[in-house]
C-alpha atoms as a PDB file:
ATOM      1  CA  MET A   1       5.412   8.490  11.946  1.00  0.00           C
ATOM      2  CA  GLN A   2       7.128   8.904   8.888  1.00  0.00           C
ATOM      3  CA  SER A   3       7.103   5.314   7.846  1.00  0.00           C
ATOM      4  CA  LEU A   4       3.528   4.790   7.542  1.00  0.00           C
ATOM      5  CA  GLU A   5       2.947   8.190   6.347  1.00  0.00           C
ATOM      6  CA  ASN A   6       5.421   6.966   3.425  1.00  0.00           C
ATOM      7  CA  PHE A   7       3.409   3.344   3.078  1.00  0.00           C
ATOM      8  CA  ARG A   8       0.539   5.205   2.253  1.00  0.00           C
ATOM      9  CA  PHE A   9       1.353   7.620  -0.269  1.00  0.00           C
ATOM     10  CA  ASN A  10       3.794   5.018  -1.976  1.00  0.00           C
ATOM     11  CA  LEU A  11       0.709   3.192  -1.916  1.00  0.00           C
ATOM     12  CA  ARG A  12      -1.898   5.119  -3.004  1.00  0.00           C
ATOM     13  CA  ARG A  13       0.802   6.106  -5.682  1.00  0.00           C
ATOM     14  CA  LEU A  14       1.062   2.377  -7.117  1.00  0.00           C
ATOM     15  CA  ILE A  15      -2.303   2.264  -7.032  1.00  0.00           C
ATOM     16  CA  ASP A  16      -2.855   5.258  -8.984  1.00  0.00           C
ATOM     17  CA  GLU A  17      -0.424   4.581 -11.273  1.00  0.00           C
ATOM     18  CA  ARG A  18      -0.569   0.253 -12.252  1.00  0.00           C
ATOM     19  CA  GLU A  19      -4.207  -0.213 -13.623  1.00  0.00           C
ATOM     20  CA  ASP A  20      -3.550  -3.627 -12.370  1.00  0.00           C
ATOM     21  CA  LEU A  21      -4.485  -2.280  -8.919  1.00  0.00           C
ATOM     22  CA  SER A  22      -6.954  -1.197  -6.817  1.00  0.00           C
ATOM     23  CA  GLN A  23      -8.221  -0.749  -3.215  1.00  0.00           C
ATOM     24  CA  ARG A  24     -10.769  -3.985  -3.982  1.00  0.00           C
ATOM     25  CA  ILE A  25      -8.231  -6.280  -5.933  1.00  0.00           C
ATOM     26  CA  ILE A  26      -5.558  -5.146  -2.806  1.00  0.00           C
ATOM     27  CA  ALA A  27      -8.539  -6.083  -0.284  1.00  0.00           C
ATOM     28  CA  ALA A  28      -9.261  -9.600  -1.866  1.00  0.00           C
ATOM     29  CA  ARG A  29      -5.777 -10.409  -2.226  1.00  0.00           C
ATOM     30  CA  VAL A  30      -4.442  -9.795   1.507  1.00  0.00           C
ATOM     31  CA  GLY A  31      -8.072 -11.201   2.887  1.00  0.00           C
ATOM     32  CA  THR A  32      -9.850  -8.443   4.093  1.00  0.00           C
ATOM     33  CA  SER A  33     -12.282  -5.769   2.903  1.00  0.00           C
ATOM     34  CA  GLN A  34     -12.126  -2.885   0.581  1.00  0.00           C
ATOM     35  CA  VAL A  35     -13.591  -0.237   3.532  1.00  0.00           C
ATOM     36  CA  HIS A  36     -10.670  -1.346   5.314  1.00  0.00           C
ATOM     37  CA  ILE A  37      -7.709  -0.819   2.405  1.00  0.00           C
ATOM     38  CA  HIS A  38      -9.600   2.452   2.392  1.00  0.00           C
ATOM     39  CA  ARG A  39      -9.270   3.444   5.891  1.00  0.00           C
ATOM     40  CA  ILE A  40      -5.564   2.499   5.756  1.00  0.00           C
ATOM     41  CA  LEU A  41      -5.051   4.278   3.177  1.00  0.00           C
ATOM     42  CA  LYS A  42      -7.211   7.693   4.361  1.00  0.00           C
ATOM     43  CA  GLY A  43      -5.205   7.173   7.940  1.00  0.00           C
ATOM     44  CA  THR A  44      -8.190   6.334  10.488  1.00  0.00           C
ATOM     45  CA  VAL A  45      -6.522   2.994  11.046  1.00  0.00           C
ATOM     46  CA  SER A  46      -2.896   2.282  11.373  1.00  0.00           C
ATOM     47  CA  PRO A  47      -2.401  -0.849   9.518  1.00  0.00           C
ATOM     48  CA  THR A  48      -0.037  -3.877  11.694  1.00  0.00           C
ATOM     49  CA  LEU A  49       3.139  -4.736  10.524  1.00  0.00           C
ATOM     50  CA  ALA A  50       2.034  -7.517   9.099  1.00  0.00           C
ATOM     51  CA  MET A  51      -1.079  -6.070   7.497  1.00  0.00           C
ATOM     52  CA  CYS A  52       1.597  -3.829   6.016  1.00  0.00           C
ATOM     53  CA  ASP A  53       3.563  -6.981   5.238  1.00  0.00           C
ATOM     54  CA  LYS A  54       0.631  -8.770   3.299  1.00  0.00           C
ATOM     55  CA  ILE A  55      -0.292  -5.623   1.256  1.00  0.00           C
ATOM     56  CA  ALA A  56       3.359  -5.244   0.459  1.00  0.00           C
ATOM     57  CA  ASP A  57       3.214  -8.726  -0.960  1.00  0.00           C
ATOM     58  CA  ALA A  58      -0.202  -8.310  -2.393  1.00  0.00           C
ATOM     59  CA  VAL A  59       1.210  -5.508  -4.959  1.00  0.00           C
ATOM     60  CA  GLY A  60       4.773  -6.907  -5.481  1.00  0.00           C
ATOM     61  CA  VAL A  61       6.228  -4.386  -4.076  1.00  0.00           C
ATOM     62  CA  PRO A  62       9.096  -4.898  -0.518  1.00  0.00           C
ATOM     63  CA  LEU A  63       8.330  -3.910   2.264  1.00  0.00           C
ATOM     64  CA  ALA A  64      11.547  -1.752   2.405  1.00  0.00           C
ATOM     65  CA  ASP A  65      10.515   0.049  -0.592  1.00  0.00           C
ATOM     66  CA  LEU A  66       7.091   0.802   0.377  1.00  0.00           C
ATOM     67  CA  VAL A  67       8.516   2.924   3.750  1.00  0.00           C
ATOM     68  CA  VAL A  68      10.989   4.750   1.881  1.00  0.00           C
ATOM     69  CA  HIS A  69      10.698   8.187   0.858  1.00  0.00           C
ATOM     70  CA  PRO A  70       8.612   9.328  -1.797  1.00  0.00           C
ATOM     71  CA  GLU A  71      11.259  10.764  -3.433  1.00  0.00           C
ATOM     72  CA  LYS A  72      13.226   7.396  -3.385  1.00  0.00           C
ATOM     73  CA  PHE A  73      10.289   4.902  -4.151  1.00  0.00           C
ATOM     74  CA  PRO A  74      10.569   3.457  -7.595  1.00  0.00           C
ATOM     75  CA  VAL A  75       7.518   2.982  -9.222  1.00  0.00           C
ATOM     76  CA  GLU A  76       7.436   0.609 -12.440  1.00  0.00           C
ATOM     77  CA  VAL A  77       3.901   1.501 -14.421  1.00  0.00           C
ATOM     78  CA  SER A  78       3.318  -1.836 -16.131  1.00  0.00           C
END
């Protein structure tokens, strides 16, 4: 499923490039554990659409942007 792979890649990229984001911060904003976010990023857990939407809200990026091909993903480092 390409969209889910794109979601994981783009989310990892955001975490790497933005100093204000970490797995722990995203987990706290979403209301889950850091371990769950880690498993989503590693691909051992497939998030629901609702969870993907919560994560997108937590990082301040539209969900549609997180599922696009990484070359088209607009990263703004703040």
